Amino acid sequence: MKTQKEIFQTSEADQWFSRNKKSFETTKDENGIIIQSLKEIEIAPKKVLEIGCANGVRLKNFNKVFGSECF
């Protein structure tokens, strides 16, 4: 029996990436909407927990902009 990961990689992985490519491009920018919104309301998170939301790029940006400890 194939694992969930094997099924995803053989049938859907490339298509998923193609559909979501624009989202990944916009998260590379530390001036994205989430970080800009936090700056506007003057909130600088000390810790950020991301659970299965993305590929870690946003965490890198939180650390770079706010010095947040990221998990």
C-alpha atoms as a PDB file:
ATOM      1  CA  MET A   1       0.000   0.000   0.000  1.00  0.00           C
ATOM      2  CA  LYS A   2       1.301   3.482  -0.899  1.00  0.00           C
ATOM      3  CA  THR A   3       1.751   6.118   1.756  1.00  0.00           C
ATOM      4  CA  GLN A   4      -0.125   9.409   1.617  1.00  0.00           C
ATOM      5  CA  LYS A   5       3.122  11.151   0.673  1.00  0.00           C
ATOM      6  CA  GLU A   6       3.757   8.745  -2.220  1.00  0.00           C
ATOM      7  CA  ILE A   7       0.232   9.228  -3.538  1.00  0.00           C
ATOM      8  CA  PHE A   8       0.561  13.002  -3.317  1.00  0.00           C
ATOM      9  CA  GLN A   9       3.938  13.028  -5.047  1.00  0.00           C
ATOM     10  CA  THR A  10       2.856  10.794  -7.930  1.00  0.00           C
ATOM     11  CA  SER A  11      -0.530  12.323  -8.615  1.00  0.00           C
ATOM     12  CA  GLU A  12      -0.815  15.845  -7.315  1.00  0.00           C
ATOM     13  CA  ALA A  13       2.455  17.462  -6.183  1.00  0.00           C
ATOM     14  CA  ASP A  14       3.382  19.313  -9.369  1.00  0.00           C
ATOM     15  CA  GLN A  15      -0.176  20.469  -9.991  1.00  0.00           C
ATOM     16  CA  TRP A  16      -0.491  21.699  -6.401  1.00  0.00           C
ATOM     17  CA  PHE A  17       2.740  23.668  -6.716  1.00  0.00           C
ATOM     18  CA  SER A  18       1.617  25.205 -10.024  1.00  0.00           C
ATOM     19  CA  ARG A  19      -1.702  26.317  -8.504  1.00  0.00           C
ATOM     20  CA  ASN A  20       0.012  27.802  -5.441  1.00  0.00           C
ATOM     21  CA  LYS A  21       3.168  29.240  -7.026  1.00  0.00           C
ATOM     22  CA  LYS A  22       1.925  32.830  -6.822  1.00  0.00           C
ATOM     23  CA  SER A  23       1.275  32.422  -3.100  1.00  0.00           C
ATOM     24  CA  PHE A  24       4.847  31.254  -2.520  1.00  0.00           C
ATOM     25  CA  GLU A  25       6.208  34.189  -4.498  1.00  0.00           C
ATOM     26  CA  THR A  26       4.320  36.694  -2.366  1.00  0.00           C
ATOM     27  CA  THR A  27       5.392  35.127   0.928  1.00  0.00           C
ATOM     28  CA  LYS A  28       9.057  35.725   0.070  1.00  0.00           C
ATOM     29  CA  ASP A  29       8.515  39.406   0.703  1.00  0.00           C
ATOM     30  CA  GLU A  30       8.927  40.547   4.294  1.00  0.00           C
ATOM     31  CA  ASN A  31       6.502  43.354   3.460  1.00  0.00           C
ATOM     32  CA  GLY A  32       3.623  40.933   2.872  1.00  0.00           C
ATOM     33  CA  ILE A  33       0.117  41.699   4.063  1.00  0.00           C
ATOM     34  CA  ILE A  34       0.405  39.838   7.382  1.00  0.00           C
ATOM     35  CA  ILE A  35       3.612  41.555   8.444  1.00  0.00           C
ATOM     36  CA  GLN A  36       2.418  44.947   7.197  1.00  0.00           C
ATOM     37  CA  SER A  37      -0.830  44.570   9.144  1.00  0.00           C
ATOM     38  CA  LEU A  38       1.067  43.785  12.344  1.00  0.00           C
ATOM     39  CA  LYS A  39       3.348  46.766  11.797  1.00  0.00           C
ATOM     40  CA  GLU A  40       0.344  49.055  11.292  1.00  0.00           C
ATOM     41  CA  ILE A  41      -1.238  48.046  14.581  1.00  0.00           C
ATOM     42  CA  GLU A  42       2.172  48.101  16.254  1.00  0.00           C
ATOM     43  CA  ILE A  43       2.323  44.454  17.262  1.00  0.00           C
ATOM     44  CA  ALA A  44       5.672  42.666  17.197  1.00  0.00           C
ATOM     45  CA  PRO A  45       5.171  39.012  18.106  1.00  0.00           C
ATOM     46  CA  LYS A  46       7.847  37.509  20.332  1.00  0.00           C
ATOM     47  CA  LYS A  47       6.962  33.939  19.355  1.00  0.00           C
ATOM     48  CA  VAL A  48       5.226  32.538  16.286  1.00  0.00           C
ATOM     49  CA  LEU A  49       3.882  28.995  15.897  1.00  0.00           C
ATOM     50  CA  GLU A  50       3.003  27.797  12.405  1.00  0.00           C
ATOM     51  CA  ILE A  51       1.236  24.469  12.148  1.00  0.00           C
ATOM     52  CA  GLY A  52       1.040  23.046   8.652  1.00  0.00           C
ATOM     53  CA  CYS A  53       0.335  26.432   7.086  1.00  0.00           C
ATOM     54  CA  ALA A  54       3.166  26.887   4.627  1.00  0.00           C
ATOM     55  CA  ASN A  55       6.752  26.062   3.806  1.00  0.00           C
ATOM     56  CA  GLY A  56       8.404  28.145   6.535  1.00  0.00           C
ATOM     57  CA  VAL A  57       9.012  31.281   4.470  1.00  0.00           C
ATOM     58  CA  ARG A  58       6.632  33.347   6.592  1.00  0.00           C
ATOM     59  CA  LEU A  59       8.440  32.209   9.724  1.00  0.00           C
ATOM     60  CA  LYS A  60      11.718  33.375   8.232  1.00  0.00           C
ATOM     61  CA  ASN A  61      10.141  36.758   7.516  1.00  0.00           C
ATOM     62  CA  PHE A  62       8.747  37.057  11.068  1.00  0.00           C
ATOM     63  CA  ASN A  63      12.191  36.352  12.430  1.00  0.00           C
ATOM     64  CA  LYS A  64      13.842  38.821  10.067  1.00  0.00           C
ATOM     65  CA  VAL A  65      11.374  41.672  10.644  1.00  0.00           C
ATOM     66  CA  PHE A  66      10.426  41.269  14.313  1.00  0.00           C
ATOM     67  CA  GLY A  67      13.159  39.026  15.699  1.00  0.00           C
ATOM     68  CA  SER A  68      10.419  36.536  16.582  1.00  0.00           C
ATOM     69  CA  GLU A  69      11.286  33.100  17.885  1.00  0.00           C
ATOM     70  CA  CYS A  70       9.631  30.809  15.349  1.00  0.00           C
ATOM     71  CA  PHE A  71       8.417  27.235  15.559  1.00  0.00           C
END
